[in-house]
Amino acid sequence: MNHIRVPAAKYVVMEFEGDIGDEEDALDYLWHSWFPRNNCVPAYSPTLEVFMNERSLCDWDNLKLKLCIPITGQKFI
């Protein structure tokens, strides 16, 4: 495991439960629907997955996590 320093940022956080395919759909929704509707601009910073159940780390069919996408203070025009 590597350790990195993540710069301070504001994040959109989406709680998620489901399989790996559902996670892809959730991220697609955030990027293509939620961000434009809410005038949010993603920041150039790491996107994080926070696993809420350590047993789900390798169980791709039963994930429970928080999807964290960094945002800037800018708005879509």
C-alpha atoms as a PDB file:
ATOM      1  CA  MET A   1       0.000   0.000   0.000  1.00  0.00           C
ATOM      2  CA  ASN A   2       1.240   3.489  -0.820  1.00  0.00           C
ATOM      3  CA  HIS A   3       0.654   6.654   1.140  1.00  0.00           C
ATOM      4  CA  ILE A   4       0.035   9.945  -0.621  1.00  0.00           C
ATOM      5  CA  ARG A   5      -0.805  13.443   0.503  1.00  0.00           C
ATOM      6  CA  VAL A   6      -4.092  14.624  -0.935  1.00  0.00           C
ATOM      7  CA  PRO A   7      -4.424  18.390  -1.279  1.00  0.00           C
ATOM      8  CA  ALA A   8      -7.265  20.023   0.625  1.00  0.00           C
ATOM      9  CA  ALA A   9     -10.374  20.314  -1.556  1.00  0.00           C
ATOM     10  CA  LYS A  10     -14.150  20.347  -1.538  1.00  0.00           C
ATOM     11  CA  TYR A  11     -15.643  17.011  -2.529  1.00  0.00           C
ATOM     12  CA  VAL A  12     -18.985  15.792  -3.787  1.00  0.00           C
ATOM     13  CA  VAL A  13     -19.611  12.619  -1.774  1.00  0.00           C
ATOM     14  CA  MET A  14     -22.047   9.943  -2.938  1.00  0.00           C
ATOM     15  CA  GLU A  15     -22.798   6.953  -0.717  1.00  0.00           C
ATOM     16  CA  PHE A  16     -22.945   3.790  -2.798  1.00  0.00           C
ATOM     17  CA  GLU A  17     -23.956   0.158  -2.356  1.00  0.00           C
ATOM     18  CA  GLY A  18     -23.965  -2.378  -5.181  1.00  0.00           C
ATOM     19  CA  ASP A  19     -21.715  -4.250  -7.564  1.00  0.00           C
ATOM     20  CA  ILE A  20     -18.857  -2.966  -9.698  1.00  0.00           C
ATOM     21  CA  GLY A  21     -21.159  -2.418 -12.699  1.00  0.00           C
ATOM     22  CA  ASP A  22     -23.521  -0.327 -10.586  1.00  0.00           C
ATOM     23  CA  GLU A  23     -20.539   1.739  -9.410  1.00  0.00           C
ATOM     24  CA  GLU A  24     -19.712   2.519 -13.031  1.00  0.00           C
ATOM     25  CA  ASP A  25     -23.314   3.660 -13.567  1.00  0.00           C
ATOM     26  CA  ALA A  26     -23.163   5.837 -10.415  1.00  0.00           C
ATOM     27  CA  LEU A  27     -19.949   7.540 -11.580  1.00  0.00           C
ATOM     28  CA  ASP A  28     -21.422   8.022 -15.055  1.00  0.00           C
ATOM     29  CA  TYR A  29     -24.465   9.698 -13.466  1.00  0.00           C
ATOM     30  CA  LEU A  30     -22.247  12.037 -11.408  1.00  0.00           C
ATOM     31  CA  TRP A  31     -20.102  13.098 -14.370  1.00  0.00           C
ATOM     32  CA  HIS A  32     -22.786  13.381 -17.054  1.00  0.00           C
ATOM     33  CA  SER A  33     -25.896  14.441 -15.109  1.00  0.00           C
ATOM     34  CA  TRP A  34     -25.272  15.658 -11.570  1.00  0.00           C
ATOM     35  CA  PHE A  35     -22.239  17.898 -12.238  1.00  0.00           C
ATOM     36  CA  PRO A  36     -23.789  19.808 -15.190  1.00  0.00           C
ATOM     37  CA  ARG A  37     -27.175  20.234 -13.447  1.00  0.00           C
ATOM     38  CA  ASN A  38     -25.526  21.589 -10.305  1.00  0.00           C
ATOM     39  CA  ASN A  39     -23.001  23.821 -12.090  1.00  0.00           C
ATOM     40  CA  CYS A  40     -20.048  22.016 -10.488  1.00  0.00           C
ATOM     41  CA  VAL A  41     -16.634  21.751 -12.100  1.00  0.00           C
ATOM     42  CA  PRO A  42     -14.445  18.772 -11.144  1.00  0.00           C
ATOM     43  CA  ALA A  43     -11.026  19.686  -9.741  1.00  0.00           C
ATOM     44  CA  TYR A  44      -7.718  18.293 -10.926  1.00  0.00           C
ATOM     45  CA  SER A  45      -7.148  16.247  -7.782  1.00  0.00           C
ATOM     46  CA  PRO A  46      -7.479  12.579  -6.796  1.00  0.00           C
ATOM     47  CA  THR A  47     -10.914  10.970  -6.850  1.00  0.00           C
ATOM     48  CA  LEU A  48     -11.355   8.776  -3.788  1.00  0.00           C
ATOM     49  CA  GLU A  49     -13.273   5.613  -2.932  1.00  0.00           C
ATOM     50  CA  VAL A  50     -13.767   5.205   0.814  1.00  0.00           C
ATOM     51  CA  PHE A  51     -14.695   1.607   1.610  1.00  0.00           C
ATOM     52  CA  MET A  52     -17.229   1.479   4.444  1.00  0.00           C
ATOM     53  CA  ASN A  53     -16.932  -2.268   4.984  1.00  0.00           C
ATOM     54  CA  GLU A  54     -13.446  -3.757   4.883  1.00  0.00           C
ATOM     55  CA  ARG A  55     -14.895  -7.143   3.876  1.00  0.00           C
ATOM     56  CA  SER A  56     -16.088  -5.559   0.627  1.00  0.00           C
ATOM     57  CA  LEU A  57     -12.548  -4.637  -0.476  1.00  0.00           C
ATOM     58  CA  CYS A  58     -12.353  -7.747  -2.670  1.00  0.00           C
ATOM     59  CA  ASP A  59     -16.073  -8.506  -3.011  1.00  0.00           C
ATOM     60  CA  TRP A  60     -16.894  -6.776  -6.311  1.00  0.00           C
ATOM     61  CA  ASP A  61     -20.535  -7.914  -6.082  1.00  0.00           C
ATOM     62  CA  ASN A  62     -21.285  -6.251  -2.714  1.00  0.00           C
ATOM     63  CA  LEU A  63     -19.478  -2.923  -2.484  1.00  0.00           C
ATOM     64  CA  LYS A  64     -20.340  -0.392   0.218  1.00  0.00           C
ATOM     65  CA  LEU A  65     -18.381   2.812  -0.226  1.00  0.00           C
ATOM     66  CA  LYS A  66     -18.373   6.566  -0.610  1.00  0.00           C
ATOM     67  CA  LEU A  67     -17.427   7.986  -4.000  1.00  0.00           C
ATOM     68  CA  CYS A  68     -15.601  11.298  -3.458  1.00  0.00           C
ATOM     69  CA  ILE A  69     -15.053  13.611  -6.437  1.00  0.00           C
ATOM     70  CA  PRO A  70     -13.143  16.881  -5.882  1.00  0.00           C
ATOM     71  CA  ILE A  71     -14.739  20.097  -7.148  1.00  0.00           C
ATOM     72  CA  THR A  72     -13.509  23.643  -7.766  1.00  0.00           C
ATOM     73  CA  GLY A  73     -15.225  26.866  -6.781  1.00  0.00           C
ATOM     74  CA  GLN A  74     -15.914  27.544 -10.474  1.00  0.00           C
ATOM     75  CA  LYS A  75     -19.234  26.960 -12.183  1.00  0.00           C
ATOM     76  CA  PHE A  76     -20.144  25.637 -15.612  1.00  0.00           C
ATOM     77  CA  ILE A  77     -21.163  28.432 -17.945  1.00  0.00           C
END
